[in-house]
Amino acid sequence: MKDKFERHKQPWTAAEIDKLHTLAKKGMALKAIAKALTRSEESVKTRAKADGLSIAKLR
């Protein structure tokens, strides 16, 4: 079941982008990054791809 996100279509702030880069470089999983940023996994994945970041896969 999908969680309801109140921040639908909100622009990314510079602080959120910095945090995304930091967490992605630490090797955190997509789900953990999305929860830390209070954004959907799809939103995080799209932004990471746009910034040329790779998100760790859970195994």
N, C-alpha and C. Protein backbone atom coordinates (compact mmCIF):
# COMPACT_ATOMS: atom_id res chain seq x y z
N MET A 1 0.84 -1.18 0.00
CA MET A 1 0.00 0.00 0.00
C MET A 1 0.88 1.25 0.00
N LYS A 2 0.55 2.19 -0.83
CA LYS A 2 1.35 3.42 -0.95
C LYS A 2 1.03 4.38 0.19
N ASP A 3 2.06 5.03 0.71
CA ASP A 3 1.86 6.09 1.70
C ASP A 3 1.38 7.34 0.98
N LYS A 4 0.62 8.16 1.68
CA LYS A 4 0.16 9.41 1.09
C LYS A 4 1.19 10.48 1.40
N PHE A 5 1.67 11.16 0.38
CA PHE A 5 2.67 12.19 0.56
C PHE A 5 2.02 13.56 0.46
N GLU A 6 2.14 14.33 1.52
CA GLU A 6 1.55 15.67 1.56
C GLU A 6 2.35 16.66 0.72
N ARG A 7 3.60 16.32 0.43
CA ARG A 7 4.49 17.23 -0.27
C ARG A 7 4.47 17.02 -1.77
N HIS A 8 3.40 16.55 -2.30
CA HIS A 8 3.28 16.22 -3.71
C HIS A 8 3.72 17.37 -4.61
N LYS A 9 4.67 17.08 -5.51
CA LYS A 9 5.15 18.04 -6.53
C LYS A 9 5.86 19.27 -5.95
N GLN A 10 6.40 19.16 -4.74
CA GLN A 10 7.12 20.28 -4.15
C GLN A 10 8.52 20.35 -4.77
N PRO A 11 9.02 21.56 -5.02
CA PRO A 11 10.38 21.68 -5.56
C PRO A 11 11.42 21.26 -4.54
N TRP A 12 12.55 20.78 -5.05
CA TRP A 12 13.65 20.35 -4.18
C TRP A 12 14.40 21.59 -3.68
N THR A 13 14.73 21.60 -2.39
CA THR A 13 15.53 22.69 -1.84
C THR A 13 17.01 22.31 -1.95
N ALA A 14 17.88 23.30 -1.83
CA ALA A 14 19.32 23.05 -1.89
C ALA A 14 19.75 22.11 -0.76
N ALA A 15 19.16 22.29 0.42
CA ALA A 15 19.50 21.43 1.56
C ALA A 15 19.11 19.98 1.30
N GLU A 16 17.95 19.76 0.69
CA GLU A 16 17.51 18.40 0.37
C GLU A 16 18.43 17.76 -0.66
N ILE A 17 18.84 18.53 -1.64
CA ILE A 17 19.74 18.01 -2.68
C ILE A 17 21.09 17.62 -2.06
N ASP A 18 21.60 18.47 -1.17
CA ASP A 18 22.87 18.16 -0.48
C ASP A 18 22.73 16.88 0.33
N LYS A 19 21.60 16.75 1.05
CA LYS A 19 21.38 15.56 1.87
C LYS A 19 21.27 14.31 0.99
N LEU A 20 20.59 14.44 -0.15
CA LEU A 20 20.47 13.32 -1.10
C LEU A 20 21.85 12.87 -1.56
N HIS A 21 22.69 13.82 -1.94
CA HIS A 21 24.04 13.49 -2.40
C HIS A 21 24.83 12.80 -1.29
N THR A 22 24.74 13.32 -0.07
CA THR A 22 25.46 12.74 1.07
C THR A 22 25.02 11.31 1.35
N LEU A 23 23.71 11.11 1.42
CA LEU A 23 23.18 9.77 1.73
C LEU A 23 23.49 8.77 0.62
N ALA A 24 23.41 9.22 -0.63
CA ALA A 24 23.69 8.33 -1.76
C ALA A 24 25.17 7.92 -1.75
N LYS A 25 26.05 8.86 -1.42
CA LYS A 25 27.49 8.54 -1.37
C LYS A 25 27.82 7.60 -0.22
N LYS A 26 27.03 7.64 0.85
CA LYS A 26 27.22 6.73 1.99
C LYS A 26 26.75 5.32 1.65
N GLY A 27 26.00 5.18 0.56
CA GLY A 27 25.54 3.86 0.14
C GLY A 27 24.21 3.45 0.74
N MET A 28 23.42 4.41 1.19
CA MET A 28 22.11 4.09 1.76
C MET A 28 21.15 3.61 0.66
N ALA A 29 20.19 2.81 1.07
CA ALA A 29 19.20 2.28 0.14
C ALA A 29 18.16 3.34 -0.21
N LEU A 30 17.51 3.15 -1.34
CA LEU A 30 16.51 4.10 -1.84
C LEU A 30 15.41 4.35 -0.81
N LYS A 31 14.90 3.28 -0.20
CA LYS A 31 13.82 3.40 0.77
C LYS A 31 14.24 4.25 1.97
N ALA A 32 15.45 4.05 2.45
CA ALA A 32 15.95 4.80 3.60
C ALA A 32 16.15 6.27 3.26
N ILE A 33 16.65 6.54 2.06
CA ILE A 33 16.85 7.92 1.62
C ILE A 33 15.51 8.62 1.48
N ALA A 34 14.54 7.94 0.88
CA ALA A 34 13.21 8.52 0.70
C ALA A 34 12.58 8.87 2.04
N LYS A 35 12.74 7.99 3.01
CA LYS A 35 12.17 8.23 4.34
C LYS A 35 12.88 9.40 5.02
N ALA A 36 14.20 9.47 4.89
CA ALA A 36 14.97 10.55 5.51
C ALA A 36 14.61 11.91 4.92
N LEU A 37 14.28 11.93 3.64
CA LEU A 37 13.94 13.19 2.97
C LEU A 37 12.44 13.47 2.96
N THR A 38 11.66 12.55 3.49
CA THR A 38 10.18 12.59 3.45
C THR A 38 9.68 12.86 2.03
N ARG A 39 10.21 12.08 1.11
CA ARG A 39 9.78 12.13 -0.30
C ARG A 39 9.54 10.71 -0.76
N SER A 40 8.83 10.58 -1.87
CA SER A 40 8.54 9.25 -2.40
C SER A 40 9.82 8.64 -2.99
N GLU A 41 9.84 7.33 -3.05
CA GLU A 41 11.00 6.64 -3.64
C GLU A 41 11.16 7.05 -5.10
N GLU A 42 10.05 7.18 -5.80
CA GLU A 42 10.09 7.56 -7.22
C GLU A 42 10.70 8.95 -7.39
N SER A 43 10.32 9.87 -6.51
CA SER A 43 10.85 11.23 -6.56
C SER A 43 12.36 11.24 -6.33
N VAL A 44 12.80 10.48 -5.34
CA VAL A 44 14.23 10.40 -5.01
C VAL A 44 14.99 9.77 -6.18
N LYS A 45 14.42 8.71 -6.75
CA LYS A 45 15.07 8.02 -7.86
C LYS A 45 15.23 8.95 -9.07
N THR A 46 14.18 9.71 -9.36
CA THR A 46 14.20 10.63 -10.49
C THR A 46 15.24 11.73 -10.29
N ARG A 47 15.27 12.29 -9.08
CA ARG A 47 16.22 13.38 -8.78
C ARG A 47 17.67 12.86 -8.82
N ALA A 48 17.89 11.66 -8.27
CA ALA A 48 19.23 11.08 -8.28
C ALA A 48 19.71 10.84 -9.70
N LYS A 49 18.82 10.36 -10.55
CA LYS A 49 19.18 10.12 -11.95
C LYS A 49 19.51 11.42 -12.66
N ALA A 50 18.73 12.48 -12.38
CA ALA A 50 18.97 13.79 -12.98
C ALA A 50 20.32 14.37 -12.55
N ASP A 51 20.72 14.05 -11.31
CA ASP A 51 22.00 14.54 -10.78
C ASP A 51 23.17 13.60 -11.06
N GLY A 52 22.89 12.47 -11.71
CA GLY A 52 23.95 11.52 -12.05
C GLY A 52 24.43 10.70 -10.86
N LEU A 53 23.56 10.51 -9.86
CA LEU A 53 23.92 9.71 -8.69
C LEU A 53 23.44 8.28 -8.87
N SER A 54 24.14 7.35 -8.23
CA SER A 54 23.64 5.99 -8.23
C SER A 54 23.21 5.64 -6.82
N ILE A 55 22.05 5.02 -6.71
CA ILE A 55 21.49 4.62 -5.43
C ILE A 55 21.78 3.14 -5.22
N ALA A 56 22.22 2.80 -4.02
CA ALA A 56 22.56 1.41 -3.70
C ALA A 56 21.32 0.52 -3.78
N LYS A 57 21.49 -0.69 -4.26
CA LYS A 57 20.41 -1.65 -4.34
C LYS A 57 20.45 -2.51 -3.07
N LEU A 58 19.29 -2.81 -2.51
CA LEU A 58 19.24 -3.71 -1.36
C LEU A 58 19.41 -5.14 -1.83
N ARG A 59 20.19 -5.91 -1.10
CA ARG A 59 20.42 -7.31 -1.49
C ARG A 59 20.16 -8.22 -0.32
